[in-house]
Amino acid sequence: MTPRIKPWATREYNIPLGKPISRITIEKSEELIESAKRGCFYCNLVYVALETVSPGWEGQKSFIHIFLAPRLPVYLRREFGATSTVTIGREGMLALGMNAREGQTMNYIISVEDSSKPAIDVEIYRSYVSQDQKTIAGMCNLNHQKGTCLVQ
């Protein structure tokens, strides 16, 4: 039996297997910057955090992983290099020995890391958010009431 790699939250924070977790990969810094300019609260938070620890980061060849889990800090990892997503169809999957239904596709994420530069890790600690404030719209509503919302 092949050993399974533990999810990031289990490796980094020792949370039990089976808890909901997520990883978002941003291939190009322009995507994050544009979303922040359009008013995405969390994109702006990530942008400011990266700019604080690594000024000028957006001009360097890199990609970003954002790791999310309940009751944990938002964990950012900026890696130097490039990443790209390649989609293969049913024929490609069959050629790899995988069963595939008609119309089914699979994404490969290819990352080329620059090992001469270490990754930059950032943890963003956040206060507990009540159930009714868990959406971006809910968060903006809360921040509008406090006068701190970035989207005016």
Protein backbone atom coordinates (compact mmCIF):
# COMPACT_ATOMS: atom_id res chain seq x y z
CA MET A 1 0.00 0.00 0.00
CA THR A 2 1.32 3.45 -0.95
CA PRO A 3 1.59 5.81 2.04
CA ARG A 4 -0.73 8.79 1.74
CA ILE A 5 0.67 12.28 2.07
CA LYS A 6 -1.01 14.07 4.96
CA PRO A 7 -2.91 17.28 4.11
CA TRP A 8 -1.10 20.54 4.81
CA ALA A 9 -3.25 21.38 7.86
CA THR A 10 -2.44 18.04 9.47
CA ARG A 11 1.29 18.43 8.77
CA GLU A 12 1.59 22.09 9.78
CA TYR A 13 -0.96 22.42 12.58
CA ASN A 14 -1.68 18.84 13.70
CA ILE A 15 -5.41 19.12 13.12
CA PRO A 16 -7.27 15.81 12.74
CA LEU A 17 -7.79 14.21 9.35
CA GLY A 18 -11.24 14.79 7.90
CA LYS A 19 -11.58 18.45 8.86
CA PRO A 20 -12.54 20.73 5.92
CA ILE A 21 -9.48 22.40 4.41
CA SER A 22 -8.68 24.15 1.15
CA ARG A 23 -5.72 25.28 -0.92
CA ILE A 24 -5.98 28.02 -3.54
CA THR A 25 -3.16 28.54 -6.03
CA ILE A 26 -2.71 31.92 -7.69
CA GLU A 27 -0.58 31.42 -10.78
CA LYS A 28 -0.06 35.09 -11.61
CA SER A 29 0.23 38.03 -9.25
CA GLU A 30 -1.84 40.12 -11.68
CA GLU A 31 -4.90 37.97 -10.87
CA LEU A 32 -4.64 38.79 -7.17
CA ILE A 33 -3.94 42.47 -7.79
CA GLU A 34 -6.93 42.85 -10.14
CA SER A 35 -9.25 41.16 -7.67
CA ALA A 36 -7.99 43.44 -4.89
CA LYS A 37 -8.61 46.49 -7.11
CA ARG A 38 -12.16 45.25 -7.81
CA GLY A 39 -12.79 45.31 -4.06
CA CYS A 40 -12.19 41.75 -2.88
CA PHE A 41 -11.56 42.16 0.85
CA TYR A 42 -9.50 38.98 1.23
CA CYS A 43 -7.47 39.59 -1.94
CA ASN A 44 -6.52 43.00 -0.59
CA LEU A 45 -5.59 41.47 2.75
CA VAL A 46 -3.32 38.94 1.01
CA TYR A 47 -1.83 41.66 -1.22
CA VAL A 48 -1.02 43.91 1.75
CA ALA A 49 0.50 41.01 3.72
CA LEU A 50 2.77 40.04 0.82
CA GLU A 51 3.75 43.66 0.16
CA THR A 52 4.63 44.07 3.84
CA VAL A 53 6.98 41.08 4.02
CA SER A 54 8.33 41.30 0.47
CA PRO A 55 8.04 44.78 -1.10
CA GLY A 56 7.91 44.65 -4.89
CA TRP A 57 6.87 40.98 -4.89
CA GLU A 58 4.39 41.46 -7.74
CA GLY A 59 7.21 42.20 -10.20
CA GLN A 60 9.05 38.95 -9.50
CA LYS A 61 8.32 35.56 -11.09
CA SER A 62 6.40 33.70 -8.39
CA PHE A 63 3.16 32.00 -7.50
CA ILE A 64 1.09 31.94 -4.33
CA HIS A 65 -0.62 29.20 -2.36
CA ILE A 66 -3.32 30.23 0.10
CA PHE A 67 -4.20 27.57 2.68
CA LEU A 68 -7.52 27.82 4.52
CA ALA A 69 -9.05 25.85 7.40
CA PRO A 70 -11.56 26.71 10.12
CA ARG A 71 -10.06 28.24 13.28
CA LEU A 72 -6.57 28.41 11.77
CA PRO A 73 -4.67 31.43 10.46
CA VAL A 74 -4.73 32.06 6.72
CA TYR A 75 -1.43 30.56 5.63
CA LEU A 76 0.26 32.07 2.56
CA ARG A 77 3.24 30.56 0.79
CA ARG A 78 4.90 32.54 -1.98
CA GLU A 79 7.19 30.41 -4.10
CA PHE A 80 9.63 31.69 -6.68
CA GLY A 81 9.30 30.21 -10.16
CA ALA A 82 6.21 29.55 -12.25
CA THR A 83 3.18 27.33 -12.25
CA SER A 84 0.69 26.44 -14.94
CA THR A 85 -2.45 24.32 -15.14
CA VAL A 86 -2.74 21.88 -18.04
CA THR A 87 -6.07 20.19 -18.77
CA ILE A 88 -6.09 16.75 -20.38
CA GLY A 89 -9.13 15.05 -21.82
CA ARG A 90 -10.40 11.50 -21.75
CA GLU A 91 -7.87 10.24 -24.34
CA GLY A 92 -4.94 11.56 -22.34
CA MET A 93 -6.32 10.04 -19.16
CA LEU A 94 -6.77 6.66 -20.87
CA ALA A 95 -3.17 6.86 -22.16
CA LEU A 96 -2.07 7.26 -18.52
CA GLY A 97 -4.00 4.12 -17.60
CA MET A 98 -6.84 5.93 -15.85
CA ASN A 99 -10.52 5.16 -16.29
CA ALA A 100 -12.39 8.14 -17.68
CA ARG A 101 -15.96 8.82 -18.75
CA GLU A 102 -16.73 10.61 -22.00
CA GLY A 103 -16.31 14.36 -21.51
CA GLN A 104 -14.32 13.98 -18.29
CA THR A 105 -11.16 16.07 -17.92
CA MET A 106 -8.35 16.27 -15.41
CA ASN A 107 -6.11 19.19 -14.49
CA TYR A 108 -2.39 18.85 -13.91
CA ILE A 109 -0.67 21.63 -12.03
CA ILE A 110 2.92 21.95 -13.14
CA SER A 111 5.23 23.96 -10.90
CA VAL A 112 8.82 24.91 -11.60
CA GLU A 113 10.37 26.30 -8.46
CA ASP A 114 13.54 28.39 -8.24
CA SER A 115 15.42 26.51 -5.51
CA SER A 116 17.98 29.32 -5.18
CA LYS A 117 15.32 31.44 -3.44
CA PRO A 118 13.51 30.11 -0.37
CA ALA A 119 9.72 30.31 -0.20
CA ILE A 120 8.19 33.11 1.86
CA ASP A 121 5.55 32.01 4.39
CA VAL A 122 3.06 34.38 6.00
CA GLU A 123 0.39 33.62 8.57
CA ILE A 124 -2.54 36.01 8.82
CA TYR A 125 -4.30 35.67 12.14
CA ARG A 126 -7.97 36.51 12.15
CA SER A 127 -10.53 36.80 14.89
CA TYR A 128 -13.36 34.31 15.07
CA VAL A 129 -16.05 35.17 12.54
CA SER A 130 -19.64 34.44 13.51
CA GLN A 131 -21.73 32.19 11.25
CA ASP A 132 -23.71 35.11 9.78
CA GLN A 133 -20.51 36.92 8.74
CA LYS A 134 -18.77 34.06 6.89
CA THR A 135 -19.41 35.37 3.39
CA ILE A 136 -17.50 38.22 1.82
CA ALA A 137 -20.77 40.15 1.57
CA GLY A 138 -21.40 39.56 5.27
CA MET A 139 -17.87 40.65 6.13
CA CYS A 140 -18.22 43.82 4.06
CA ASN A 141 -21.53 44.57 5.78
CA LEU A 142 -19.86 44.20 9.17
CA ASN A 143 -16.95 46.40 8.09
CA HIS A 144 -19.30 49.05 6.61
CA GLN A 145 -21.00 49.29 10.00
CA LYS A 146 -17.60 49.83 11.62
CA GLY A 147 -16.54 52.26 8.86
CA THR A 148 -13.55 50.09 7.93
CA CYS A 149 -14.71 48.41 4.70
CA LEU A 150 -12.34 48.72 1.77
CA VAL A 151 -15.25 48.62 -0.68
CA GLN A 152 -16.98 52.00 -0.49
